[in-house]
């Protein structure tokens, strides 16, 4: 009987010893990576009068009384300024005037600002 208990105890310990490494291998680590996508927005920039036009949305952006405004048409007093060819630019914002300083620096030498 004593031998029988010893064999059962030995088998139980062996089963635990085999199961522990197997249980440890079941634990996995998951790494999550974040991907940021930058969307480019296309504009026609009329640098002489700081007017932007977004062809995709047919929206103009211009200053009125020191504030940026947007809409599907320019005020009559600004419409004459877009008769000349503007400069094609791409920005990573849907509000082009937020990058006015960058646009001026980048495109002024190209005649756009």
N, C-alpha and C. Protein backbone atom coordinates (compact mmCIF):
# COMPACT_ATOMS: atom_id res chain seq x y z
N UNK A 1 0.82 -1.18 0.00
CA UNK A 1 0.00 0.00 0.00
C UNK A 1 0.87 1.25 0.00
N UNK A 2 1.95 1.18 0.77
CA UNK A 2 2.86 2.31 0.83
C UNK A 2 3.51 2.53 -0.54
N UNK A 3 3.85 1.44 -1.21
CA UNK A 3 4.44 1.53 -2.53
C UNK A 3 3.43 2.12 -3.52
N UNK A 4 2.19 1.75 -3.37
CA UNK A 4 1.14 2.25 -4.23
C UNK A 4 1.00 3.77 -4.09
N UNK A 5 1.02 4.29 -2.86
CA UNK A 5 0.94 5.74 -2.63
C UNK A 5 2.17 6.45 -3.17
N UNK A 6 3.32 5.85 -3.06
CA UNK A 6 4.56 6.45 -3.56
C UNK A 6 4.52 6.57 -5.08
N UNK A 7 3.99 5.54 -5.73
CA UNK A 7 3.89 5.58 -7.19
C UNK A 7 2.90 6.66 -7.62
N UNK A 8 1.76 6.74 -6.93
CA UNK A 8 0.75 7.77 -7.25
C UNK A 8 1.33 9.17 -7.02
N UNK A 9 2.06 9.34 -5.93
CA UNK A 9 2.67 10.65 -5.64
C UNK A 9 3.70 11.00 -6.70
N UNK A 10 4.51 10.02 -7.11
CA UNK A 10 5.54 10.27 -8.12
C UNK A 10 4.90 10.62 -9.45
N UNK A 11 3.85 9.92 -9.82
CA UNK A 11 3.16 10.22 -11.08
C UNK A 11 2.52 11.60 -11.04
N UNK A 12 1.94 11.97 -9.90
CA UNK A 12 1.33 13.29 -9.75
C UNK A 12 2.37 14.39 -9.89
N UNK A 13 3.53 14.22 -9.26
CA UNK A 13 4.60 15.22 -9.37
C UNK A 13 5.11 15.32 -10.79
N UNK A 14 5.23 14.19 -11.47
CA UNK A 14 5.69 14.19 -12.86
C UNK A 14 4.69 14.94 -13.75
N UNK A 15 3.41 14.70 -13.53
CA UNK A 15 2.38 15.37 -14.32
C UNK A 15 2.43 16.88 -14.12
N UNK A 16 2.63 17.32 -12.88
CA UNK A 16 2.73 18.75 -12.59
C UNK A 16 3.99 19.32 -13.22
N UNK A 17 5.11 18.58 -13.13
CA UNK A 17 6.37 19.06 -13.69
C UNK A 17 6.28 19.21 -15.20
N UNK A 18 5.54 18.33 -15.86
CA UNK A 18 5.37 18.42 -17.31
C UNK A 18 4.39 19.53 -17.67
N UNK A 19 3.36 19.73 -16.89
CA UNK A 19 2.32 20.71 -17.20
C UNK A 19 2.80 22.14 -17.00
N UNK A 20 3.66 22.40 -16.02
CA UNK A 20 4.09 23.77 -15.74
C UNK A 20 4.78 24.43 -16.94
N UNK A 21 5.78 23.79 -17.56
CA UNK A 21 6.38 24.44 -18.73
C UNK A 21 5.38 24.64 -19.87
N UNK A 22 4.48 23.68 -20.04
CA UNK A 22 3.47 23.82 -21.08
C UNK A 22 2.56 25.00 -20.79
N UNK A 23 2.20 25.20 -19.52
CA UNK A 23 1.37 26.34 -19.15
C UNK A 23 2.12 27.65 -19.36
N UNK A 24 3.41 27.65 -19.07
CA UNK A 24 4.21 28.86 -19.24
C UNK A 24 4.31 29.24 -20.72
N UNK A 25 4.35 28.24 -21.59
CA UNK A 25 4.44 28.52 -23.02
C UNK A 25 3.14 29.09 -23.58
N UNK A 26 2.02 28.85 -22.92
CA UNK A 26 0.75 29.36 -23.40
C UNK A 26 0.62 30.87 -23.22
N UNK A 27 1.44 31.45 -22.37
CA UNK A 27 1.38 32.89 -22.15
C UNK A 27 2.10 33.58 -23.29
N UNK A 28 1.40 34.48 -23.98
CA UNK A 28 2.00 35.18 -25.11
C UNK A 28 1.94 36.68 -24.88
N UNK A 29 2.84 37.38 -25.52
CA UNK A 29 2.87 38.83 -25.45
C UNK A 29 2.44 39.37 -26.80
N UNK A 30 1.52 40.32 -26.77
CA UNK A 30 1.03 40.93 -28.00
C UNK A 30 1.56 42.36 -28.07
N UNK A 31 2.16 42.69 -29.19
CA UNK A 31 2.65 44.04 -29.42
C UNK A 31 1.70 44.73 -30.39
N UNK A 32 1.25 45.92 -30.02
CA UNK A 32 0.35 46.69 -30.87
C UNK A 32 1.12 47.89 -31.41
N UNK A 33 1.10 48.04 -32.72
CA UNK A 33 1.75 49.19 -33.34
C UNK A 33 0.70 50.15 -33.84
N UNK A 34 0.96 51.44 -33.66
CA UNK A 34 0.03 52.46 -34.11
C UNK A 34 0.53 53.04 -35.43
N UNK A 35 -0.33 53.06 -36.41
CA UNK A 35 0.01 53.62 -37.71
C UNK A 35 -0.76 54.92 -37.89
N UNK A 36 -0.03 55.97 -38.25
CA UNK A 36 -0.65 57.26 -38.49
C UNK A 36 -0.64 57.53 -39.99
N UNK A 37 -1.77 57.82 -40.52
CA UNK A 37 -1.88 58.13 -41.95
C UNK A 37 -2.10 59.63 -42.11
N UNK A 38 -1.29 60.22 -42.94
CA UNK A 38 -1.43 61.64 -43.22
C UNK A 38 -2.15 61.80 -44.55
N UNK A 39 -3.24 62.51 -44.53
CA UNK A 39 -4.01 62.73 -45.74
C UNK A 39 -3.60 64.06 -46.36
N UNK A 40 -3.27 64.01 -47.63
CA UNK A 40 -2.91 65.23 -48.34
C UNK A 40 -4.17 65.86 -48.92
N UNK A 41 -4.23 67.17 -48.85
CA UNK A 41 -5.33 67.94 -49.42
C UNK A 41 -4.74 68.84 -50.50
N UNK A 42 -5.40 68.88 -51.62
CA UNK A 42 -4.92 69.65 -52.77
C UNK A 42 -5.62 71.02 -52.80
N UNK A 43 -4.82 72.05 -53.08
CA UNK A 43 -5.35 73.42 -53.15
C UNK A 43 -4.73 74.15 -54.33
N UNK A 44 -5.42 75.20 -54.75
CA UNK A 44 -4.84 76.19 -55.65
C UNK A 44 -4.66 77.43 -54.78
N UNK A 45 -3.43 77.92 -54.73
CA UNK A 45 -3.09 79.03 -53.85
C UNK A 45 -2.84 80.29 -54.67
N UNK A 46 -3.57 81.34 -54.33
CA UNK A 46 -3.40 82.65 -54.97
C UNK A 46 -2.66 83.52 -53.97
N UNK A 47 -1.35 83.42 -54.00
CA UNK A 47 -0.50 84.02 -52.98
C UNK A 47 -0.56 85.53 -52.87
N UNK A 48 -0.79 86.21 -53.97
CA UNK A 48 -0.83 87.67 -53.92
C UNK A 48 -1.95 88.17 -53.01
N UNK A 49 -2.99 87.35 -52.84
CA UNK A 49 -4.13 87.79 -52.03
C UNK A 49 -4.52 86.77 -50.96
N UNK A 50 -3.62 85.78 -50.75
CA UNK A 50 -3.83 84.76 -49.71
C UNK A 50 -5.21 84.10 -49.82
N UNK A 51 -5.49 83.61 -51.00
CA UNK A 51 -6.74 82.91 -51.25
C UNK A 51 -6.39 81.46 -51.59
N UNK A 52 -7.10 80.52 -51.00
CA UNK A 52 -6.94 79.10 -51.29
C UNK A 52 -8.24 78.59 -51.91
N UNK A 53 -8.09 77.65 -52.82
CA UNK A 53 -9.27 76.98 -53.39
C UNK A 53 -9.02 75.48 -53.33
N UNK A 54 -9.97 74.74 -52.76
CA UNK A 54 -9.90 73.28 -52.69
C UNK A 54 -10.80 72.71 -53.79
N UNK A 55 -10.22 72.23 -54.90
CA UNK A 55 -11.05 71.74 -56.01
C UNK A 55 -11.95 70.56 -55.64
N UNK A 56 -11.46 69.67 -54.78
CA UNK A 56 -12.24 68.48 -54.43
C UNK A 56 -13.56 68.85 -53.73
N UNK A 57 -13.51 69.86 -52.88
CA UNK A 57 -14.71 70.26 -52.14
C UNK A 57 -15.32 71.54 -52.70
N UNK A 58 -14.66 72.12 -53.71
CA UNK A 58 -15.12 73.38 -54.32
C UNK A 58 -15.33 74.46 -53.25
N UNK A 59 -14.31 74.59 -52.39
CA UNK A 59 -14.37 75.55 -51.29
C UNK A 59 -13.23 76.55 -51.39
N UNK A 60 -13.56 77.81 -51.22
CA UNK A 60 -12.55 78.88 -51.15
C UNK A 60 -12.29 79.21 -49.68
N UNK A 61 -11.05 79.64 -49.41
CA UNK A 61 -10.66 80.13 -48.08
C UNK A 61 -10.00 81.48 -48.29
N UNK A 62 -10.47 82.49 -47.56
CA UNK A 62 -9.93 83.85 -47.71
C UNK A 62 -10.10 84.59 -46.39
N UNK A 63 -9.41 85.72 -46.32
CA UNK A 63 -9.53 86.55 -45.11
C UNK A 63 -10.54 87.66 -45.33
N UNK A 64 -11.34 87.87 -44.29
CA UNK A 64 -12.31 88.95 -44.30
C UNK A 64 -12.27 89.61 -42.93
N UNK A 65 -11.91 90.88 -42.92
CA UNK A 65 -11.77 91.63 -41.66
C UNK A 65 -10.83 90.94 -40.67
N UNK A 66 -9.74 90.38 -41.19
CA UNK A 66 -8.74 89.74 -40.34
C UNK A 66 -9.08 88.33 -39.88
N UNK A 67 -10.22 87.80 -40.33
CA UNK A 67 -10.63 86.45 -39.95
C UNK A 67 -10.69 85.57 -41.21
N UNK A 68 -10.27 84.32 -41.06
CA UNK A 68 -10.37 83.39 -42.18
C UNK A 68 -11.81 82.94 -42.34
N UNK A 69 -12.25 82.93 -43.59
CA UNK A 69 -13.61 82.55 -43.93
C UNK A 69 -13.55 81.53 -45.05
N UNK A 70 -14.58 80.71 -45.18
CA UNK A 70 -14.62 79.77 -46.29
C UNK A 70 -16.03 79.70 -46.85
N UNK A 71 -16.11 79.28 -48.11
CA UNK A 71 -17.41 79.16 -48.76
C UNK A 71 -17.26 78.71 -50.20
N UNK A 72 -18.37 78.44 -50.85
CA UNK A 72 -18.32 77.95 -52.24
C UNK A 72 -18.00 79.05 -53.26
N UNK A 73 -18.15 80.31 -52.88
CA UNK A 73 -17.81 81.42 -53.77
C UNK A 73 -17.10 82.50 -52.97
N UNK A 74 -16.27 83.24 -53.66
CA UNK A 74 -15.59 84.38 -53.03
C UNK A 74 -16.50 85.60 -53.04
N UNK A 75 -16.27 86.53 -52.14
CA UNK A 75 -17.00 87.79 -52.22
C UNK A 75 -16.68 88.47 -53.56
N UNK A 76 -17.60 89.25 -54.09
CA UNK A 76 -17.38 89.90 -55.39
C UNK A 76 -16.06 90.68 -55.47
N UNK A 77 -15.68 91.34 -54.38
CA UNK A 77 -14.45 92.13 -54.41
C UNK A 77 -13.18 91.28 -54.52
N UNK A 78 -13.26 89.97 -54.22
CA UNK A 78 -12.09 89.09 -54.32
C UNK A 78 -12.09 88.22 -55.57
N UNK A 79 -13.18 88.19 -56.29
CA UNK A 79 -13.28 87.29 -57.44
C UNK A 79 -12.30 87.65 -58.57
N UNK A 80 -11.97 88.90 -58.71
CA UNK A 80 -11.04 89.31 -59.77
C UNK A 80 -9.64 88.74 -59.55
N UNK A 81 -9.29 88.44 -58.31
CA UNK A 81 -7.94 87.96 -57.99
C UNK A 81 -7.69 86.53 -58.44
N UNK A 82 -8.74 85.78 -58.71
CA UNK A 82 -8.54 84.38 -59.10
C UNK A 82 -8.60 84.20 -60.61
N UNK A 83 -8.60 85.29 -61.35
CA UNK A 83 -8.60 85.20 -62.81
C UNK A 83 -7.23 84.74 -63.32
N UNK A 84 -6.19 85.07 -62.57
CA UNK A 84 -4.85 84.63 -62.95
C UNK A 84 -4.62 83.24 -62.40
N UNK A 85 -3.65 82.57 -62.96
CA UNK A 85 -3.36 81.19 -62.54
C UNK A 85 -2.77 81.17 -61.14
N UNK A 86 -3.35 80.30 -60.31
CA UNK A 86 -2.83 80.09 -58.97
C UNK A 86 -1.77 79.00 -58.97
N UNK A 87 -1.21 78.75 -57.80
CA UNK A 87 -0.17 77.74 -57.65
C UNK A 87 -0.77 76.48 -57.04
N UNK A 88 -0.52 75.32 -57.64
CA UNK A 88 -1.00 74.05 -57.14
C UNK A 88 -0.14 73.63 -55.94
N UNK A 89 -0.79 73.37 -54.81
CA UNK A 89 -0.05 72.93 -53.62
C UNK A 89 -0.81 71.79 -52.93
N UNK A 90 -0.09 71.02 -52.14
CA UNK A 90 -0.67 69.96 -51.33
C UNK A 90 -0.27 70.19 -49.88
N UNK A 91 -1.25 70.10 -48.99
CA UNK A 91 -1.01 70.29 -47.55
C UNK A 91 -1.66 69.13 -46.79
N UNK A 92 -1.18 68.90 -45.58
CA UNK A 92 -1.75 67.82 -44.77
C UNK A 92 -2.79 68.34 -43.78
N UNK A 93 -3.60 69.30 -44.24
CA UNK A 93 -4.65 69.87 -43.40
C UNK A 93 -5.85 70.22 -44.26
N UNK A 94 -7.02 70.15 -43.64
CA UNK A 94 -8.22 70.56 -44.37
C UNK A 94 -8.53 72.04 -44.13
N UNK A 95 -7.65 72.74 -43.42
CA UNK A 95 -7.76 74.18 -43.20
C UNK A 95 -6.42 74.81 -43.63
N UNK A 96 -6.29 75.12 -44.90
CA UNK A 96 -4.98 75.54 -45.42
C UNK A 96 -4.40 76.77 -44.74
N UNK A 97 -5.23 77.66 -44.28
CA UNK A 97 -4.74 78.88 -43.64
C UNK A 97 -3.98 78.60 -42.35
N UNK A 98 -4.15 77.42 -41.75
CA UNK A 98 -3.39 77.09 -40.53
C UNK A 98 -1.92 76.87 -40.84
N UNK A 99 -1.57 76.70 -42.11
CA UNK A 99 -0.18 76.51 -42.52
C UNK A 99 0.30 77.66 -43.41
N UNK A 100 -0.34 78.80 -43.25
CA UNK A 100 -0.01 79.98 -44.08
C UNK A 100 1.48 80.32 -44.02
N UNK A 101 2.05 80.29 -42.83
CA UNK A 101 3.47 80.64 -42.67
C UNK A 101 4.36 79.67 -43.45
N UNK A 102 4.06 78.39 -43.39
CA UNK A 102 4.82 77.37 -44.12
C UNK A 102 4.64 77.57 -45.62
N UNK A 103 3.42 77.84 -46.04
CA UNK A 103 3.13 78.03 -47.47
C UNK A 103 3.91 79.23 -48.00
N UNK A 104 3.91 80.32 -47.27
CA UNK A 104 4.63 81.52 -47.72
C UNK A 104 6.12 81.23 -47.85
N UNK A 105 6.70 80.58 -46.85
CA UNK A 105 8.14 80.27 -46.90
C UNK A 105 8.48 79.34 -48.07
N UNK A 106 7.65 78.32 -48.26
CA UNK A 106 7.94 77.33 -49.28
C UNK A 106 7.70 77.82 -50.70
N UNK A 107 6.65 78.59 -50.91
CA UNK A 107 6.24 78.95 -52.27
C UNK A 107 6.54 80.38 -52.67
N UNK A 108 7.00 81.22 -51.76
CA UNK A 108 7.27 82.62 -52.12
C UNK A 108 8.34 82.71 -53.22
N UNK A 109 9.37 81.87 -53.12
CA UNK A 109 10.43 81.93 -54.12
C UNK A 109 9.94 81.43 -55.48
N UNK A 110 8.82 80.66 -55.49
CA UNK A 110 8.26 80.16 -56.74
C UNK A 110 7.26 81.14 -57.35
N UNK A 111 7.11 82.30 -56.73
CA UNK A 111 6.18 83.28 -57.25
C UNK A 111 4.77 83.10 -56.73
N UNK A 112 4.58 82.22 -55.72
CA UNK A 112 3.25 81.97 -55.23
C UNK A 112 2.87 82.81 -54.05
N UNK A 113 3.75 83.60 -53.46
CA UNK A 113 3.36 84.30 -52.26
C UNK A 113 3.81 85.65 -52.14
